[in-house]
């Protein structure tokens, strides 16, 4: 039996590859020319490694923050304060 950490790490790597693929496909389709990436610090680091150069060139801002515990209202408030009002 494999340790739980190995299973969790493999699932995180698969998820990161999936995100990178979706973003690469969207960039090729012209869905964005600029993108802001907000992710938990560890995931953000993995994404940096997984993203193709074409997507990396589109990244205008990276924010290392885990927002998964935020509800919709908290997320909206945080985005407003950190991105829209600062911009």
C-alpha atoms as a PDB file:
ATOM      1  CA  UNK A   1       0.000   0.000   0.000  1.00  0.00           C
ATOM      2  CA  UNK A   2       1.337   3.425  -0.982  1.00  0.00           C
ATOM      3  CA  UNK A   3       1.566   6.198   1.595  1.00  0.00           C
ATOM      4  CA  UNK A   4      -1.248   8.756   1.373  1.00  0.00           C
ATOM      5  CA  UNK A   5       1.216  11.515   0.518  1.00  0.00           C
ATOM      6  CA  UNK A   6       2.152   9.792  -2.722  1.00  0.00           C
ATOM      7  CA  UNK A   7      -1.477   9.508  -3.818  1.00  0.00           C
ATOM      8  CA  UNK A   8      -2.145  13.124  -2.888  1.00  0.00           C
ATOM      9  CA  UNK A   9       0.977  14.318  -4.709  1.00  0.00           C
ATOM     10  CA  UNK A  10       0.072  12.371  -7.846  1.00  0.00           C
ATOM     11  CA  UNK A  11      -3.466  13.771  -7.836  1.00  0.00           C
ATOM     12  CA  UNK A  12      -2.097  17.309  -7.393  1.00  0.00           C
ATOM     13  CA  UNK A  13       0.298  16.766 -10.315  1.00  0.00           C
ATOM     14  CA  UNK A  14      -2.546  15.452 -12.497  1.00  0.00           C
ATOM     15  CA  UNK A  15      -4.708  18.450 -11.566  1.00  0.00           C
ATOM     16  CA  UNK A  16      -1.861  20.840 -12.375  1.00  0.00           C
ATOM     17  CA  UNK A  17      -1.316  19.236 -15.782  1.00  0.00           C
ATOM     18  CA  UNK A  18      -5.042  19.484 -16.471  1.00  0.00           C
ATOM     19  CA  UNK A  19      -5.092  23.194 -15.607  1.00  0.00           C
ATOM     20  CA  UNK A  20      -2.038  23.790 -17.797  1.00  0.00           C
ATOM     21  CA  UNK A  21      -3.687  21.967 -20.711  1.00  0.00           C
ATOM     22  CA  UNK A  22      -6.936  23.927 -20.383  1.00  0.00           C
ATOM     23  CA  UNK A  23      -5.051  27.229 -20.251  1.00  0.00           C
ATOM     24  CA  UNK A  24      -2.852  26.274 -23.212  1.00  0.00           C
ATOM     25  CA  UNK A  25      -5.896  25.329 -25.280  1.00  0.00           C
ATOM     26  CA  UNK A  26      -7.661  28.570 -24.334  1.00  0.00           C
ATOM     27  CA  UNK A  27      -4.603  30.663 -25.203  1.00  0.00           C
ATOM     28  CA  UNK A  28      -4.281  28.966 -28.610  1.00  0.00           C
ATOM     29  CA  UNK A  29      -7.976  29.622 -29.246  1.00  0.00           C
ATOM     30  CA  UNK A  30      -7.443  33.313 -28.487  1.00  0.00           C
ATOM     31  CA  UNK A  31      -9.598  33.263 -25.359  1.00  0.00           C
ATOM     32  CA  UNK A  32      -7.175  35.577 -23.548  1.00  0.00           C
ATOM     33  CA  UNK A  33      -4.075  37.632 -24.124  1.00  0.00           C
ATOM     34  CA  UNK A  34      -3.537  38.445 -20.442  1.00  0.00           C
ATOM     35  CA  UNK A  35      -4.284  36.319 -17.422  1.00  0.00           C
ATOM     36  CA  UNK A  36      -4.053  36.627 -13.647  1.00  0.00           C
ATOM     37  CA  UNK A  37      -3.311  33.417 -11.790  1.00  0.00           C
ATOM     38  CA  UNK A  38      -4.308  33.050  -8.151  1.00  0.00           C
ATOM     39  CA  UNK A  39      -3.460  29.742  -6.530  1.00  0.00           C
ATOM     40  CA  UNK A  40      -2.231  28.251  -3.302  1.00  0.00           C
ATOM     41  CA  UNK A  41       1.544  28.706  -3.081  1.00  0.00           C
ATOM     42  CA  UNK A  42       2.461  25.089  -3.795  1.00  0.00           C
ATOM     43  CA  UNK A  43       0.032  24.813  -6.714  1.00  0.00           C
ATOM     44  CA  UNK A  44       1.254  28.117  -8.125  1.00  0.00           C
ATOM     45  CA  UNK A  45       4.801  26.787  -8.137  1.00  0.00           C
ATOM     46  CA  UNK A  46       3.701  23.613  -9.895  1.00  0.00           C
ATOM     47  CA  UNK A  47       1.755  25.654 -12.449  1.00  0.00           C
ATOM     48  CA  UNK A  48       4.803  27.771 -13.224  1.00  0.00           C
ATOM     49  CA  UNK A  49       6.620  24.571 -14.126  1.00  0.00           C
ATOM     50  CA  UNK A  50       3.734  23.089 -16.124  1.00  0.00           C
ATOM     51  CA  UNK A  51       2.548  26.063 -18.162  1.00  0.00           C
ATOM     52  CA  UNK A  52       3.791  26.340 -21.731  1.00  0.00           C
ATOM     53  CA  UNK A  53       5.796  29.458 -22.589  1.00  0.00           C
ATOM     54  CA  UNK A  54       2.939  30.963 -24.620  1.00  0.00           C
ATOM     55  CA  UNK A  55       0.723  30.987 -21.528  1.00  0.00           C
ATOM     56  CA  UNK A  56       3.534  32.192 -19.263  1.00  0.00           C
ATOM     57  CA  UNK A  57       3.951  35.236 -21.513  1.00  0.00           C
ATOM     58  CA  UNK A  58       0.276  36.083 -20.935  1.00  0.00           C
ATOM     59  CA  UNK A  59       0.521  36.002 -17.129  1.00  0.00           C
ATOM     60  CA  UNK A  60       0.348  39.588 -15.892  1.00  0.00           C
ATOM     61  CA  UNK A  61      -0.058  38.854 -12.183  1.00  0.00           C
ATOM     62  CA  UNK A  62       0.529  35.877  -9.925  1.00  0.00           C
ATOM     63  CA  UNK A  63      -0.880  35.750  -6.414  1.00  0.00           C
ATOM     64  CA  UNK A  64       0.094  32.930  -4.077  1.00  0.00           C
ATOM     65  CA  UNK A  65      -2.998  32.579  -1.896  1.00  0.00           C
ATOM     66  CA  UNK A  66      -5.328  29.711  -1.056  1.00  0.00           C
ATOM     67  CA  UNK A  67      -8.879  30.982  -1.508  1.00  0.00           C
ATOM     68  CA  UNK A  68     -10.646  27.622  -1.325  1.00  0.00           C
ATOM     69  CA  UNK A  69     -12.219  28.333   2.076  1.00  0.00           C
ATOM     70  CA  UNK A  70     -13.794  31.586   0.896  1.00  0.00           C
ATOM     71  CA  UNK A  71     -17.499  31.681   0.108  1.00  0.00           C
ATOM     72  CA  UNK A  72     -18.747  33.686  -2.897  1.00  0.00           C
ATOM     73  CA  UNK A  73     -19.199  36.933  -0.934  1.00  0.00           C
ATOM     74  CA  UNK A  74     -15.757  36.680   0.692  1.00  0.00           C
ATOM     75  CA  UNK A  75     -14.148  35.887  -2.642  1.00  0.00           C
ATOM     76  CA  UNK A  76     -15.857  38.837  -4.312  1.00  0.00           C
ATOM     77  CA  UNK A  77     -14.741  41.182  -1.511  1.00  0.00           C
ATOM     78  CA  UNK A  78     -11.182  39.882  -1.661  1.00  0.00           C
ATOM     79  CA  UNK A  79     -10.987  40.229  -5.449  1.00  0.00           C
ATOM     80  CA  UNK A  80     -12.420  43.738  -5.271  1.00  0.00           C
ATOM     81  CA  UNK A  81      -9.893  44.851  -2.664  1.00  0.00           C
ATOM     82  CA  UNK A  82      -6.838  43.059  -4.030  1.00  0.00           C
ATOM     83  CA  UNK A  83      -7.312  43.395  -7.767  1.00  0.00           C
ATOM     84  CA  UNK A  84      -9.999  45.778  -8.931  1.00  0.00           C
ATOM     85  CA  UNK A  85      -9.475  48.624  -6.437  1.00  0.00           C
ATOM     86  CA  UNK A  86      -5.670  48.405  -6.565  1.00  0.00           C
ATOM     87  CA  UNK A  87      -5.588  48.312 -10.367  1.00  0.00           C
END
